[in-house]
N, C-alpha and C. Protein backbone atom coordinates (compact mmCIF):
# COMPACT_ATOMS: atom_id res chain seq x y z
N MET A 1 8.09 -36.13 -21.33
CA MET A 1 7.37 -35.03 -21.86
C MET A 1 8.21 -34.00 -22.32
N SER A 2 8.02 -33.26 -23.49
CA SER A 2 8.84 -32.18 -23.88
C SER A 2 8.32 -30.91 -23.13
N ALA A 3 9.06 -29.86 -23.31
CA ALA A 3 8.79 -28.57 -22.79
C ALA A 3 7.61 -27.95 -23.38
N GLY A 4 7.43 -28.23 -24.72
CA GLY A 4 6.31 -27.70 -25.39
C GLY A 4 5.03 -28.42 -24.97
N ALA A 5 5.02 -29.69 -24.69
CA ALA A 5 3.93 -30.52 -24.19
C ALA A 5 3.51 -30.09 -22.89
N HIS A 6 4.46 -29.87 -21.93
CA HIS A 6 4.33 -29.14 -20.72
C HIS A 6 3.66 -27.90 -20.79
N LEU A 7 4.16 -27.07 -21.58
CA LEU A 7 3.47 -25.71 -21.72
C LEU A 7 2.00 -25.75 -22.28
N ASN A 8 1.82 -26.79 -23.29
CA ASN A 8 0.39 -26.78 -23.71
C ASN A 8 -0.55 -27.43 -22.53
N GLU A 9 0.06 -28.30 -21.58
CA GLU A 9 -0.69 -28.83 -20.54
C GLU A 9 -0.94 -27.55 -19.50
N ALA A 10 0.15 -26.72 -19.23
CA ALA A 10 -0.11 -25.63 -18.31
C ALA A 10 -1.11 -24.75 -18.85
N LEU A 11 -0.96 -24.25 -20.21
CA LEU A 11 -1.91 -23.44 -20.75
C LEU A 11 -3.44 -23.84 -20.64
N ALA A 12 -3.71 -25.19 -20.91
CA ALA A 12 -4.96 -25.73 -20.87
C ALA A 12 -5.45 -25.72 -19.47
N ALA A 13 -4.56 -26.21 -18.46
CA ALA A 13 -4.99 -26.15 -17.09
C ALA A 13 -5.32 -24.66 -16.44
N GLU A 14 -4.66 -23.75 -17.06
CA GLU A 14 -4.87 -22.43 -16.63
C GLU A 14 -6.04 -21.91 -17.22
N ARG A 15 -6.36 -22.16 -18.45
CA ARG A 15 -7.59 -21.80 -19.10
C ARG A 15 -8.80 -22.46 -18.33
N ASP A 16 -8.47 -23.48 -18.09
CA ASP A 16 -9.80 -24.22 -17.22
C ASP A 16 -9.93 -23.72 -15.92
N ALA A 17 -8.86 -23.38 -15.25
CA ALA A 17 -9.13 -22.82 -13.84
C ALA A 17 -9.64 -21.40 -14.04
N TYR A 18 -9.35 -20.46 -14.94
CA TYR A 18 -9.78 -19.20 -14.96
C TYR A 18 -11.51 -19.44 -15.33
N ALA A 19 -11.80 -20.39 -16.28
CA ALA A 19 -13.31 -20.58 -16.53
C ALA A 19 -14.09 -21.08 -15.27
N GLU A 20 -13.45 -21.95 -14.46
CA GLU A 20 -13.91 -22.41 -13.31
C GLU A 20 -14.30 -21.27 -12.39
N GLN A 21 -13.10 -20.54 -12.12
CA GLN A 21 -13.26 -19.49 -11.16
C GLN A 21 -14.32 -18.43 -11.49
N LEU A 22 -14.29 -18.03 -12.68
CA LEU A 22 -15.23 -16.96 -13.18
C LEU A 22 -16.62 -17.57 -13.17
N ALA A 23 -16.83 -18.87 -13.18
CA ALA A 23 -18.25 -19.51 -13.03
C ALA A 23 -18.61 -19.65 -11.49
N GLY A 24 -17.66 -19.37 -10.57
CA GLY A 24 -18.02 -19.46 -9.25
C GLY A 24 -17.66 -20.72 -8.77
N ARG A 25 -16.98 -21.65 -9.32
CA ARG A 25 -16.66 -22.92 -8.84
C ARG A 25 -15.10 -22.92 -8.46
N PRO A 26 -14.90 -23.91 -7.61
CA PRO A 26 -13.50 -24.02 -7.11
C PRO A 26 -12.50 -24.43 -8.16
N ALA A 27 -11.27 -23.70 -8.07
CA ALA A 27 -10.21 -24.00 -9.25
C ALA A 27 -8.87 -24.25 -8.72
N ALA A 28 -8.59 -24.30 -7.44
CA ALA A 28 -7.57 -24.57 -6.84
C ALA A 28 -6.64 -25.78 -7.53
N ALA A 29 -7.35 -26.90 -7.77
CA ALA A 29 -6.75 -27.94 -8.37
C ALA A 29 -6.15 -27.73 -9.74
N ARG A 30 -6.91 -26.98 -10.30
CA ARG A 30 -6.58 -26.61 -11.75
C ARG A 30 -5.20 -25.78 -11.77
N TYR A 31 -5.46 -24.85 -10.86
CA TYR A 31 -4.22 -23.96 -10.78
C TYR A 31 -2.97 -24.59 -10.41
N ARG A 32 -3.17 -25.63 -9.55
CA ARG A 32 -1.88 -26.38 -9.06
C ARG A 32 -1.44 -27.14 -10.23
N ALA A 33 -2.35 -27.64 -11.06
CA ALA A 33 -1.89 -28.53 -12.28
C ALA A 33 -1.18 -27.56 -13.31
N ALA A 34 -1.61 -26.42 -13.44
CA ALA A 34 -1.16 -25.36 -14.34
C ALA A 34 0.43 -24.98 -13.70
N ARG A 35 0.37 -24.81 -12.27
CA ARG A 35 1.64 -24.41 -11.87
C ARG A 35 2.78 -25.49 -11.97
N ASP A 36 2.30 -26.80 -11.70
CA ASP A 36 3.27 -27.87 -11.87
C ASP A 36 3.57 -28.22 -13.48
N ALA A 37 2.89 -27.88 -14.33
CA ALA A 37 3.25 -28.11 -15.82
C ALA A 37 4.18 -26.80 -16.20
N TYR A 38 3.77 -25.61 -15.60
CA TYR A 38 4.66 -24.51 -15.89
C TYR A 38 6.10 -24.70 -15.39
N VAL A 39 6.23 -25.25 -14.14
CA VAL A 39 7.37 -25.52 -13.66
C VAL A 39 8.30 -26.70 -14.44
N ALA A 40 7.46 -27.65 -14.92
CA ALA A 40 8.06 -28.74 -15.73
C ALA A 40 8.63 -28.20 -16.97
N SER A 41 7.95 -27.44 -17.58
CA SER A 41 8.25 -26.77 -18.88
C SER A 41 9.54 -25.81 -18.59
N HIS A 42 9.51 -24.97 -17.59
CA HIS A 42 10.65 -23.99 -17.21
C HIS A 42 11.73 -24.90 -17.05
N ALA A 43 11.54 -26.03 -16.33
CA ALA A 43 12.93 -26.79 -16.03
C ALA A 43 13.67 -27.55 -17.27
N GLU A 44 12.67 -27.66 -18.32
CA GLU A 44 13.12 -28.15 -19.55
C GLU A 44 13.61 -27.17 -20.56
N THR A 45 13.32 -25.91 -20.24
CA THR A 45 13.65 -24.84 -21.22
C THR A 45 14.81 -23.88 -20.76
N GLY A 46 15.12 -23.95 -19.58
CA GLY A 46 16.22 -23.19 -18.95
C GLY A 46 15.81 -22.12 -18.13
N PRO A 47 16.75 -21.51 -17.43
CA PRO A 47 16.47 -20.49 -16.38
C PRO A 47 15.98 -19.27 -16.91
N ARG A 48 15.96 -18.90 -18.24
CA ARG A 48 15.47 -17.58 -18.85
C ARG A 48 14.21 -17.70 -19.49
N SER A 49 13.42 -18.75 -19.29
CA SER A 49 12.05 -19.02 -19.91
C SER A 49 11.13 -18.17 -18.90
N TRP A 50 11.07 -16.85 -18.82
CA TRP A 50 10.43 -15.99 -17.91
C TRP A 50 8.99 -16.25 -18.07
N GLY A 51 8.43 -16.32 -19.08
CA GLY A 51 6.93 -16.35 -19.16
C GLY A 51 6.40 -17.75 -18.45
N ARG A 52 7.08 -18.97 -18.50
CA ARG A 52 6.65 -20.09 -17.94
C ARG A 52 7.08 -19.97 -16.33
N LEU A 53 7.95 -19.26 -15.88
CA LEU A 53 8.46 -19.12 -14.49
C LEU A 53 7.19 -18.14 -13.90
N ILE A 54 7.16 -16.99 -14.50
CA ILE A 54 6.02 -15.97 -14.03
C ILE A 54 4.64 -16.70 -13.92
N GLY A 55 4.35 -17.45 -15.08
CA GLY A 55 3.13 -18.26 -15.04
C GLY A 55 2.99 -19.29 -13.89
N ALA A 56 4.05 -19.88 -13.50
CA ALA A 56 4.17 -20.85 -12.49
C ALA A 56 4.01 -20.14 -11.08
N LEU A 57 4.45 -19.04 -10.99
CA LEU A 57 4.30 -18.13 -9.90
C LEU A 57 2.80 -17.57 -9.67
N LYS A 58 2.35 -17.22 -10.79
CA LYS A 58 0.98 -16.64 -10.61
C LYS A 58 -0.06 -17.76 -10.22
N MET A 59 0.25 -19.07 -10.81
CA MET A 59 -0.62 -20.06 -10.58
C MET A 59 -0.52 -20.58 -9.12
N ALA A 60 0.76 -20.43 -8.57
CA ALA A 60 0.88 -20.86 -7.24
C ALA A 60 0.20 -19.87 -6.22
N ILE A 61 0.34 -18.59 -6.63
CA ILE A 61 -0.40 -17.56 -5.74
C ILE A 61 -1.88 -17.83 -5.95
N LEU A 62 -2.48 -18.05 -7.08
CA LEU A 62 -3.86 -18.24 -7.21
C LEU A 62 -4.42 -19.53 -6.58
N ALA A 63 -3.42 -20.52 -6.50
CA ALA A 63 -3.93 -21.87 -5.86
C ALA A 63 -3.53 -21.68 -4.48
N ASP A 64 -2.80 -20.76 -3.93
CA ASP A 64 -2.37 -20.63 -2.48
C ASP A 64 -1.68 -21.85 -2.15
N ASP A 65 -0.77 -22.34 -2.98
CA ASP A 65 -0.04 -23.38 -2.74
C ASP A 65 1.36 -23.47 -3.54
N GLY A 66 2.35 -23.81 -2.80
CA GLY A 66 3.62 -23.93 -3.48
C GLY A 66 4.22 -22.55 -3.94
N VAL A 67 3.77 -21.42 -3.25
CA VAL A 67 4.36 -20.25 -3.50
C VAL A 67 5.96 -20.07 -3.23
N ALA A 68 6.22 -20.59 -1.92
CA ALA A 68 7.68 -20.36 -1.60
C ALA A 68 8.53 -21.06 -2.57
N GLU A 69 8.31 -22.17 -2.85
CA GLU A 69 9.00 -23.09 -3.69
C GLU A 69 9.39 -22.36 -5.10
N VAL A 70 8.16 -21.88 -5.68
CA VAL A 70 8.18 -21.48 -7.08
C VAL A 70 8.89 -19.97 -6.87
N ALA A 71 8.62 -19.26 -5.79
CA ALA A 71 9.27 -17.90 -5.53
C ALA A 71 10.87 -18.07 -5.51
N ALA A 72 11.27 -19.10 -4.95
CA ALA A 72 12.70 -19.35 -4.48
C ALA A 72 13.25 -19.70 -5.97
N ARG A 73 12.58 -20.44 -6.65
CA ARG A 73 13.20 -20.65 -8.11
C ARG A 73 13.38 -19.39 -8.98
N ALA A 74 12.25 -18.63 -8.84
CA ALA A 74 12.24 -17.19 -9.59
C ALA A 74 13.43 -16.29 -9.11
N LEU A 75 13.41 -16.26 -7.79
CA LEU A 75 14.51 -15.49 -7.27
C LEU A 75 16.01 -15.96 -7.68
N ALA A 76 16.15 -17.15 -7.51
CA ALA A 76 17.47 -17.76 -8.05
C ALA A 76 17.64 -17.61 -9.46
N ASP A 77 16.71 -17.97 -10.34
CA ASP A 77 16.90 -17.92 -11.76
C ASP A 77 17.09 -16.48 -12.21
N ALA A 78 16.54 -15.53 -11.65
CA ALA A 78 16.51 -14.09 -12.21
C ALA A 78 17.48 -13.32 -11.45
N ASP A 79 18.24 -13.92 -10.44
CA ASP A 79 19.31 -13.16 -9.82
C ASP A 79 20.39 -12.44 -10.89
N GLY A 80 20.56 -11.31 -10.70
CA GLY A 80 21.57 -10.69 -11.52
C GLY A 80 21.28 -10.50 -13.06
N VAL A 81 20.03 -10.95 -13.53
CA VAL A 81 19.60 -10.93 -14.89
C VAL A 81 19.00 -9.51 -14.95
N GLU A 82 19.26 -8.76 -16.12
CA GLU A 82 18.60 -7.50 -16.36
C GLU A 82 17.34 -7.78 -17.27
N GLY A 83 16.50 -6.81 -17.09
CA GLY A 83 15.41 -6.90 -18.20
C GLY A 83 14.07 -6.85 -17.26
N ALA A 84 12.90 -6.37 -18.05
CA ALA A 84 11.72 -6.12 -17.49
C ALA A 84 11.14 -7.53 -16.96
N ALA A 85 11.21 -8.55 -17.85
CA ALA A 85 10.56 -9.92 -17.42
C ALA A 85 11.33 -10.65 -16.31
N ALA A 86 12.72 -10.35 -16.13
CA ALA A 86 13.28 -11.04 -14.95
C ALA A 86 13.04 -10.02 -13.70
N GLY A 87 12.81 -8.81 -13.98
CA GLY A 87 12.45 -7.95 -12.99
C GLY A 87 11.00 -8.35 -12.42
N TYR A 88 10.22 -8.68 -13.23
CA TYR A 88 8.87 -9.02 -13.07
C TYR A 88 8.98 -10.30 -12.05
N ALA A 89 9.66 -11.25 -12.59
CA ALA A 89 9.75 -12.48 -11.87
C ALA A 89 10.36 -12.31 -10.34
N ARG A 90 11.33 -11.48 -10.36
CA ARG A 90 11.81 -11.23 -9.12
C ARG A 90 10.87 -10.36 -8.15
N ALA A 91 10.24 -9.41 -8.70
CA ALA A 91 9.48 -8.45 -7.97
C ALA A 91 8.26 -9.31 -7.40
N LEU A 92 7.67 -10.15 -8.22
CA LEU A 92 6.29 -10.88 -7.90
C LEU A 92 6.85 -11.80 -6.82
N ALA A 93 7.92 -12.63 -7.02
CA ALA A 93 8.37 -13.53 -6.06
C ALA A 93 8.63 -12.84 -4.57
N ALA A 94 9.32 -11.70 -4.69
CA ALA A 94 9.54 -10.95 -3.50
C ALA A 94 8.20 -10.47 -2.79
N VAL A 95 7.31 -9.91 -3.49
CA VAL A 95 6.02 -9.56 -2.90
C VAL A 95 5.31 -10.72 -2.30
N ALA A 96 5.37 -11.82 -3.15
CA ALA A 96 4.59 -13.22 -2.64
C ALA A 96 5.06 -13.61 -1.36
N THR A 97 6.43 -13.36 -1.18
CA THR A 97 7.03 -14.08 0.05
C THR A 97 7.35 -12.99 1.32
N GLY A 98 6.72 -11.76 0.93
CA GLY A 98 6.77 -10.70 2.05
C GLY A 98 8.19 -10.01 1.85
N ALA A 99 8.93 -10.14 0.97
CA ALA A 99 10.12 -9.32 0.99
C ALA A 99 9.98 -8.04 0.16
N ALA A 100 10.87 -7.12 0.10
CA ALA A 100 10.86 -5.77 -0.59
C ALA A 100 11.16 -6.09 -2.13
N PRO A 101 10.36 -5.68 -2.94
CA PRO A 101 10.72 -5.90 -4.32
C PRO A 101 11.52 -4.64 -4.96
N ASP A 102 12.22 -4.89 -5.99
CA ASP A 102 12.77 -3.85 -6.78
C ASP A 102 12.20 -3.89 -8.10
N THR A 103 11.28 -2.85 -8.24
CA THR A 103 10.39 -2.67 -9.45
C THR A 103 11.00 -1.76 -10.52
N THR A 104 12.24 -1.23 -10.19
CA THR A 104 12.96 -0.21 -11.13
C THR A 104 12.78 -0.62 -12.62
N GLU A 105 13.23 -1.94 -13.00
CA GLU A 105 13.19 -2.33 -14.45
C GLU A 105 11.84 -2.38 -14.86
N MET A 106 10.88 -2.78 -14.24
CA MET A 106 9.37 -3.02 -14.64
C MET A 106 8.86 -1.57 -14.83
N ARG A 107 9.12 -0.64 -14.08
CA ARG A 107 8.51 0.71 -14.10
C ARG A 107 9.24 1.43 -15.42
N ALA A 108 10.53 1.25 -15.55
CA ALA A 108 11.40 1.60 -16.66
C ALA A 108 10.78 1.15 -18.01
N ALA A 109 10.26 -0.04 -18.08
CA ALA A 109 9.84 -0.67 -19.26
C ALA A 109 8.69 -0.10 -19.82
N GLY A 110 7.71 0.56 -18.96
CA GLY A 110 6.61 1.14 -19.47
C GLY A 110 5.45 0.21 -19.49
N ASP A 111 4.22 0.70 -19.95
CA ASP A 111 3.05 -0.03 -20.30
C ASP A 111 2.69 -1.00 -19.15
N ALA A 112 2.47 -2.30 -19.47
CA ALA A 112 1.86 -3.21 -18.59
C ALA A 112 2.97 -3.54 -17.56
N PHE A 113 4.15 -3.65 -17.93
CA PHE A 113 5.14 -3.88 -16.82
C PHE A 113 5.17 -2.75 -15.79
N ALA A 114 5.24 -1.56 -16.28
CA ALA A 114 5.09 -0.32 -15.30
C ALA A 114 3.81 -0.46 -14.31
N ARG A 115 2.70 -0.65 -14.96
CA ARG A 115 1.37 -0.60 -14.14
C ARG A 115 1.61 -1.77 -13.14
N THR A 116 2.06 -2.90 -13.45
CA THR A 116 2.13 -3.99 -12.52
C THR A 116 3.21 -3.69 -11.46
N GLY A 117 4.48 -3.15 -11.92
CA GLY A 117 5.46 -2.64 -10.99
C GLY A 117 5.06 -1.75 -9.90
N ARG A 118 4.13 -0.84 -10.48
CA ARG A 118 3.67 0.16 -9.36
C ARG A 118 2.70 -0.51 -8.35
N ALA A 119 1.86 -1.39 -8.89
CA ALA A 119 0.97 -2.07 -7.99
C ALA A 119 1.77 -3.15 -6.95
N LEU A 120 2.79 -3.61 -7.49
CA LEU A 120 3.56 -4.55 -6.54
C LEU A 120 4.41 -3.68 -5.60
N GLN A 121 4.80 -2.47 -5.88
CA GLN A 121 5.56 -1.66 -5.01
C GLN A 121 4.58 -1.28 -4.01
N ALA A 122 3.43 -0.61 -4.53
CA ALA A 122 2.40 -0.25 -3.50
C ALA A 122 2.20 -1.35 -2.47
N LEU A 123 1.88 -2.54 -2.88
CA LEU A 123 1.64 -3.56 -1.99
C LEU A 123 2.71 -3.65 -0.95
N ALA A 124 4.05 -3.68 -1.29
CA ALA A 124 5.07 -3.90 -0.51
C ALA A 124 5.12 -2.52 0.44
N ASP A 125 4.81 -1.54 0.03
CA ASP A 125 4.90 -0.21 0.83
C ASP A 125 3.84 -0.09 1.73
N GLY A 126 2.58 -0.89 1.41
CA GLY A 126 1.31 -0.69 2.13
C GLY A 126 0.75 0.61 1.83
N ASP A 127 0.93 1.16 0.51
CA ASP A 127 0.33 2.19 -0.02
C ASP A 127 -0.99 1.89 -0.63
N ALA A 128 -2.14 1.78 0.13
CA ALA A 128 -3.39 1.55 -0.34
C ALA A 128 -3.97 2.33 -1.67
N ALA A 129 -3.70 3.67 -1.52
CA ALA A 129 -4.23 4.59 -2.53
C ALA A 129 -3.40 4.30 -3.92
N ALA A 130 -2.03 4.20 -3.82
CA ALA A 130 -1.22 3.80 -5.02
C ALA A 130 -1.54 2.37 -5.54
N TYR A 131 -1.89 1.59 -4.73
CA TYR A 131 -2.34 0.12 -5.13
C TYR A 131 -3.66 0.25 -5.93
N ARG A 132 -4.67 0.98 -5.32
CA ARG A 132 -5.92 1.15 -5.97
C ARG A 132 -5.79 1.78 -7.42
N ALA A 133 -5.04 2.87 -7.40
CA ALA A 133 -4.78 3.53 -8.67
C ALA A 133 -4.21 2.48 -9.71
N ALA A 134 -3.15 1.83 -9.39
CA ALA A 134 -2.34 0.90 -10.21
C ALA A 134 -3.39 -0.25 -10.84
N LEU A 135 -4.06 -0.63 -9.85
CA LEU A 135 -4.91 -1.88 -10.10
C LEU A 135 -6.08 -1.30 -11.03
N GLY A 136 -6.57 -0.19 -10.83
CA GLY A 136 -7.50 0.35 -11.66
C GLY A 136 -7.11 0.40 -13.17
N GLU A 137 -5.78 0.82 -13.29
CA GLU A 137 -4.99 0.94 -14.69
C GLU A 137 -5.11 -0.33 -15.22
N ILE A 138 -4.55 -1.37 -14.39
CA ILE A 138 -4.34 -2.80 -14.92
C ILE A 138 -5.78 -3.35 -15.49
N LEU A 139 -6.72 -3.11 -14.64
CA LEU A 139 -8.11 -3.53 -14.95
C LEU A 139 -8.52 -3.00 -16.25
N ALA A 140 -8.43 -1.71 -16.29
CA ALA A 140 -8.77 -0.96 -17.61
C ALA A 140 -8.15 -1.33 -18.81
N ASP A 141 -6.82 -1.74 -18.74
CA ASP A 141 -6.24 -2.30 -19.74
C ASP A 141 -6.67 -3.66 -20.24
N PHE A 142 -6.96 -4.60 -19.25
CA PHE A 142 -7.57 -5.83 -19.65
C PHE A 142 -8.84 -5.72 -20.21
N GLU A 143 -9.64 -4.91 -19.73
CA GLU A 143 -11.06 -4.54 -20.28
C GLU A 143 -11.06 -4.08 -21.67
N ALA A 144 -10.14 -3.51 -21.89
CA ALA A 144 -9.90 -2.79 -23.37
C ALA A 144 -9.43 -3.89 -24.32
N ARG A 145 -9.05 -5.06 -23.99
CA ARG A 145 -8.37 -6.02 -24.73
C ARG A 145 -9.43 -6.78 -25.78
N ASP A 146 -9.13 -7.10 -26.88
CA ASP A 146 -10.02 -7.98 -27.69
C ASP A 146 -9.69 -9.50 -27.55
N GLN A 147 -8.35 -9.80 -27.19
CA GLN A 147 -7.85 -11.04 -26.88
C GLN A 147 -7.09 -11.18 -25.64
N HIS A 148 -7.08 -12.32 -25.13
CA HIS A 148 -6.49 -12.64 -23.92
C HIS A 148 -5.59 -13.92 -24.10
N LEU A 149 -4.46 -13.84 -23.61
CA LEU A 149 -3.47 -14.85 -23.82
C LEU A 149 -3.97 -16.30 -23.40
N SER A 150 -4.81 -16.32 -22.37
CA SER A 150 -5.19 -17.77 -21.95
C SER A 150 -6.54 -18.31 -22.87
N GLY A 151 -6.90 -17.31 -23.63
CA GLY A 151 -8.11 -17.72 -24.27
C GLY A 151 -9.29 -17.40 -23.56
N VAL A 152 -9.35 -16.98 -22.41
CA VAL A 152 -10.38 -16.66 -21.49
C VAL A 152 -10.32 -15.24 -21.10
N ALA A 153 -11.42 -14.43 -21.37
CA ALA A 153 -11.50 -13.15 -21.03
C ALA A 153 -11.38 -12.91 -19.52
N VAL A 154 -10.17 -12.80 -18.99
CA VAL A 154 -9.97 -12.62 -17.54
C VAL A 154 -8.82 -11.80 -17.24
N ALA A 155 -8.79 -10.86 -16.26
CA ALA A 155 -7.75 -10.02 -15.85
C ALA A 155 -6.96 -10.76 -14.76
N ASP A 156 -6.12 -11.76 -15.19
CA ASP A 156 -5.36 -12.47 -14.42
C ASP A 156 -4.46 -11.78 -13.54
N THR A 157 -3.79 -10.72 -14.04
CA THR A 157 -2.81 -10.00 -13.36
C THR A 157 -3.55 -9.46 -12.10
N ALA A 158 -4.73 -8.83 -12.32
CA ALA A 158 -5.39 -8.14 -11.25
C ALA A 158 -5.88 -9.34 -10.21
N MET A 159 -6.15 -10.40 -10.84
CA MET A 159 -6.53 -11.61 -9.67
C MET A 159 -5.38 -11.86 -8.80
N VAL A 160 -4.22 -12.05 -9.54
CA VAL A 160 -3.10 -12.25 -8.70
C VAL A 160 -2.71 -11.09 -7.67
N LEU A 161 -2.78 -9.96 -8.12
CA LEU A 161 -2.55 -8.84 -7.20
C LEU A 161 -3.44 -8.79 -6.04
N GLU A 162 -4.83 -9.09 -6.39
CA GLU A 162 -5.82 -8.94 -5.30
C GLU A 162 -5.49 -10.20 -4.39
N ARG A 163 -5.01 -11.26 -4.80
CA ARG A 163 -4.74 -12.35 -3.88
C ARG A 163 -3.61 -12.01 -2.90
N LEU A 164 -2.79 -11.27 -3.57
CA LEU A 164 -1.50 -10.74 -2.62
C LEU A 164 -2.01 -9.52 -1.72
N ALA A 165 -2.91 -8.81 -2.08
CA ALA A 165 -3.50 -7.52 -1.40
C ALA A 165 -4.24 -8.11 -0.23
N GLU A 166 -5.01 -9.26 -0.31
CA GLU A 166 -6.02 -9.66 0.61
C GLU A 166 -5.50 -9.70 2.10
N PRO A 167 -4.40 -10.53 2.19
CA PRO A 167 -3.74 -10.69 3.68
C PRO A 167 -3.20 -9.40 4.20
N ARG A 168 -2.89 -8.29 3.25
CA ARG A 168 -2.38 -7.12 3.65
C ARG A 168 -3.48 -6.02 3.97
N GLY A 169 -4.77 -6.59 3.87
CA GLY A 169 -5.96 -5.62 4.09
C GLY A 169 -6.07 -4.45 3.03
N MET A 170 -5.54 -4.67 1.80
CA MET A 170 -5.45 -3.67 0.77
C MET A 170 -6.28 -4.20 -0.36
N ALA A 171 -7.03 -5.27 -0.34
CA ALA A 171 -7.77 -5.65 -1.54
C ALA A 171 -8.85 -4.72 -1.89
N VAL A 172 -9.03 -4.46 -3.11
CA VAL A 172 -9.87 -3.35 -3.64
C VAL A 172 -11.41 -4.11 -4.00
N HIS A 173 -11.29 -5.34 -4.34
CA HIS A 173 -12.56 -6.05 -4.80
C HIS A 173 -13.16 -5.43 -6.00
N PRO A 174 -12.49 -5.03 -6.93
CA PRO A 174 -13.22 -4.32 -8.13
C PRO A 174 -14.25 -5.32 -8.66
N VAL A 175 -15.31 -4.69 -9.31
CA VAL A 175 -16.32 -5.51 -9.82
C VAL A 175 -16.10 -5.52 -11.50
N SER A 176 -15.93 -6.61 -12.17
CA SER A 176 -15.55 -6.56 -13.66
C SER A 176 -16.00 -7.87 -13.95
N GLU A 177 -16.45 -7.94 -15.22
CA GLU A 177 -16.94 -9.19 -16.00
C GLU A 177 -15.52 -10.06 -16.25
N LEU A 178 -14.41 -9.52 -16.03
CA LEU A 178 -13.11 -10.09 -16.15
C LEU A 178 -12.49 -10.75 -14.83
N LEU A 179 -13.28 -10.63 -13.79
CA LEU A 179 -12.87 -11.07 -12.48
C LEU A 179 -13.89 -11.97 -11.90
N PRO A 180 -13.48 -12.88 -10.99
CA PRO A 180 -14.60 -13.60 -10.27
C PRO A 180 -15.33 -12.73 -9.41
N ARG A 181 -16.52 -13.02 -9.08
CA ARG A 181 -17.51 -12.18 -8.29
C ARG A 181 -16.86 -12.29 -6.88
N PRO A 182 -16.77 -11.26 -6.12
CA PRO A 182 -16.40 -11.33 -4.67
C PRO A 182 -17.38 -11.94 -3.80
N VAL A 183 -16.86 -12.69 -2.87
CA VAL A 183 -17.75 -13.40 -2.14
C VAL A 183 -18.00 -12.81 -0.65
């Protein structure tokens, strides 16, 4: 199968997973399918296909499965590479595995990268107030969008961050039409 076909498979599984979770149904199997397809597509396109690698890591976090393996790949592929996307891959992988992230490049890039970098740094630092503020900015950005990459109106970055915040006792559990209802 080609990298493009794997990417299409990943995007379809991701879209289905979001729809399932927003409807209150289990979605872990769909997240795992998306993770695996992103990993396969990334393997065929090379180490600098950051979107695929970040997608795989986000899906692993949401599935709560395979995080260590995908994070190790992200850290290896992004090692020594400059840029906000590589920095995001490294920082997300670091926080997902309990390591200290370097969010400098993300915060310097501004906009969505900066907001997410602040949230990841706050999670790593255990700064609940800073995390709450950054998550609020991220959610507001998603709520202002007319279009969403997955085709489903969902605040996926907020979902991933909340999954990382939960075991740290820092989850905010915001209420939004773009997030699954808290249980």
